[in-house]
Amino acid sequence: MQAGKRVRLTKLRESAHPQVRAGRWDTYRPGAWDNTESLPVDYEMVGVLVAPPLVGKRVELLRLERNGEPALGVFVSSPVTEVNHTWFATRNSVYRIEVLHDEG
């Protein structure tokens, strides 16, 4: 997976032993700096990959959408612990990663 690709990240579940537990949809506030939980399960974001999943590094995404709504921002994961072709795991979460192809 290369930097510069447009991708969709979807949180599938917590990691086996998360440092920070997943948030609940009824209490998590997207974009709030004072959240004490990680993203809720099924949280989805679309954006441009700045730093791809590499073990020991953080994934960085220039976010364009959050849960289907326009939401410009930056996503930075906790350090990556495992990488597969379709998913990656961090200290806190497991994410599906899909490369999006422009239509047209």
Protein backbone atom coordinates (compact mmCIF):
# COMPACT_ATOMS: atom_id res chain seq x y z
CA MET A 1 0.00 0.00 0.00
CA GLN A 2 1.48 3.32 -1.07
CA ALA A 3 1.16 6.82 0.26
CA GLY A 4 -1.04 9.04 -1.89
CA LYS A 5 -3.76 6.41 -2.42
CA ARG A 6 -7.38 7.26 -1.68
CA VAL A 7 -8.59 4.69 0.86
CA ARG A 8 -11.45 3.76 3.17
CA LEU A 9 -10.56 2.68 6.72
CA THR A 10 -13.18 0.88 8.79
CA LYS A 11 -12.64 -0.08 12.41
CA LEU A 12 -13.54 -3.77 12.70
CA ARG A 13 -12.87 -4.37 16.39
CA GLU A 14 -10.57 -3.63 19.30
CA SER A 15 -7.14 -5.24 19.38
CA ALA A 16 -6.75 -8.22 21.70
CA HIS A 17 -5.27 -6.11 24.52
CA PRO A 18 -5.99 -2.45 23.74
CA GLN A 19 -4.27 0.32 25.67
CA VAL A 20 -7.37 2.45 25.10
CA ARG A 21 -10.83 0.86 24.83
CA ALA A 22 -13.16 1.51 21.89
CA GLY A 23 -15.66 4.27 22.39
CA ARG A 24 -19.41 3.80 22.40
CA TRP A 25 -21.49 5.49 19.73
CA ASP A 26 -23.74 7.14 22.33
CA THR A 27 -20.84 8.84 24.15
CA TYR A 28 -18.02 9.26 21.58
CA ARG A 29 -17.70 12.75 20.13
CA PRO A 30 -16.03 12.69 16.67
CA GLY A 31 -13.28 15.27 16.41
CA ALA A 32 -13.17 16.09 20.14
CA TRP A 33 -9.62 16.33 21.51
CA ASP A 34 -10.67 15.28 24.99
CA ASN A 35 -12.06 11.83 24.07
CA THR A 36 -10.64 9.24 26.47
CA GLU A 37 -11.63 6.31 24.24
CA SER A 38 -10.52 5.18 20.79
CA LEU A 39 -12.83 5.25 17.78
CA PRO A 40 -16.03 3.20 18.06
CA VAL A 41 -16.30 -0.09 16.17
CA ASP A 42 -17.70 0.43 12.62
CA TYR A 43 -16.26 3.96 12.49
CA GLU A 44 -15.40 4.64 8.85
CA MET A 45 -13.25 7.27 7.19
CA VAL A 46 -12.21 8.05 3.63
CA GLY A 47 -9.11 10.01 2.78
CA VAL A 48 -5.64 10.13 1.28
CA LEU A 49 -3.04 7.87 2.82
CA VAL A 50 -0.01 9.86 4.00
CA ALA A 51 1.77 7.07 5.89
CA PRO A 52 0.77 3.48 4.98
CA PRO A 53 0.51 0.65 7.52
CA LEU A 54 4.01 -0.45 8.54
CA VAL A 55 4.74 -2.38 11.72
CA GLY A 56 6.02 -0.03 14.43
CA LYS A 57 4.79 3.12 12.61
CA ARG A 58 1.56 5.10 12.80
CA VAL A 59 -0.92 5.21 9.92
CA GLU A 60 -1.66 8.78 8.83
CA LEU A 61 -4.65 9.78 6.74
CA LEU A 62 -5.78 13.14 5.39
CA ARG A 63 -9.45 12.55 6.13
CA LEU A 64 -12.07 13.73 3.64
CA GLU A 65 -15.12 11.91 5.03
CA ARG A 66 -16.16 10.49 8.38
CA ASN A 67 -19.04 7.98 8.45
CA GLY A 68 -20.29 9.10 5.03
CA GLU A 69 -20.26 12.84 5.80
CA PRO A 70 -17.69 15.42 4.63
CA ALA A 71 -15.23 15.96 7.50
CA LEU A 72 -11.81 17.34 6.68
CA GLY A 73 -9.16 16.40 9.20
CA VAL A 74 -6.17 14.25 10.03
CA PHE A 75 -6.28 10.73 11.43
CA VAL A 76 -3.22 9.27 13.15
CA SER A 77 -3.38 5.74 14.52
CA SER A 78 -1.59 4.21 17.45
CA PRO A 79 1.51 2.22 16.35
CA VAL A 80 0.82 -0.64 13.92
CA THR A 81 1.41 -4.15 15.29
CA GLU A 82 0.41 -6.32 12.29
CA VAL A 83 -0.26 -5.82 8.57
CA ASN A 84 -2.24 -7.92 6.09
CA HIS A 85 -3.36 -7.18 2.50
CA THR A 86 -6.85 -6.12 3.56
CA TRP A 87 -6.43 -5.08 7.21
CA PHE A 88 -3.98 -3.85 9.79
CA ALA A 89 -3.88 -3.93 13.58
CA THR A 90 -2.68 -1.22 15.92
CA ARG A 91 -2.17 -1.26 19.69
CA ASN A 92 -5.86 -0.41 20.09
CA SER A 93 -7.78 -1.39 16.97
CA VAL A 94 -8.10 -3.57 13.88
CA TYR A 95 -8.99 -1.75 10.64
CA ARG A 96 -10.03 -2.91 7.19
CA ILE A 97 -8.28 -0.88 4.47
CA GLU A 98 -9.72 -0.57 0.98
CA VAL A 99 -8.14 1.29 -1.93
CA LEU A 100 -10.79 3.41 -3.67
CA HIS A 101 -10.65 3.89 -7.40
CA ASP A 102 -11.96 7.11 -8.89
CA GLU A 103 -15.05 6.65 -11.00
CA GLY A 104 -15.31 8.09 -14.44
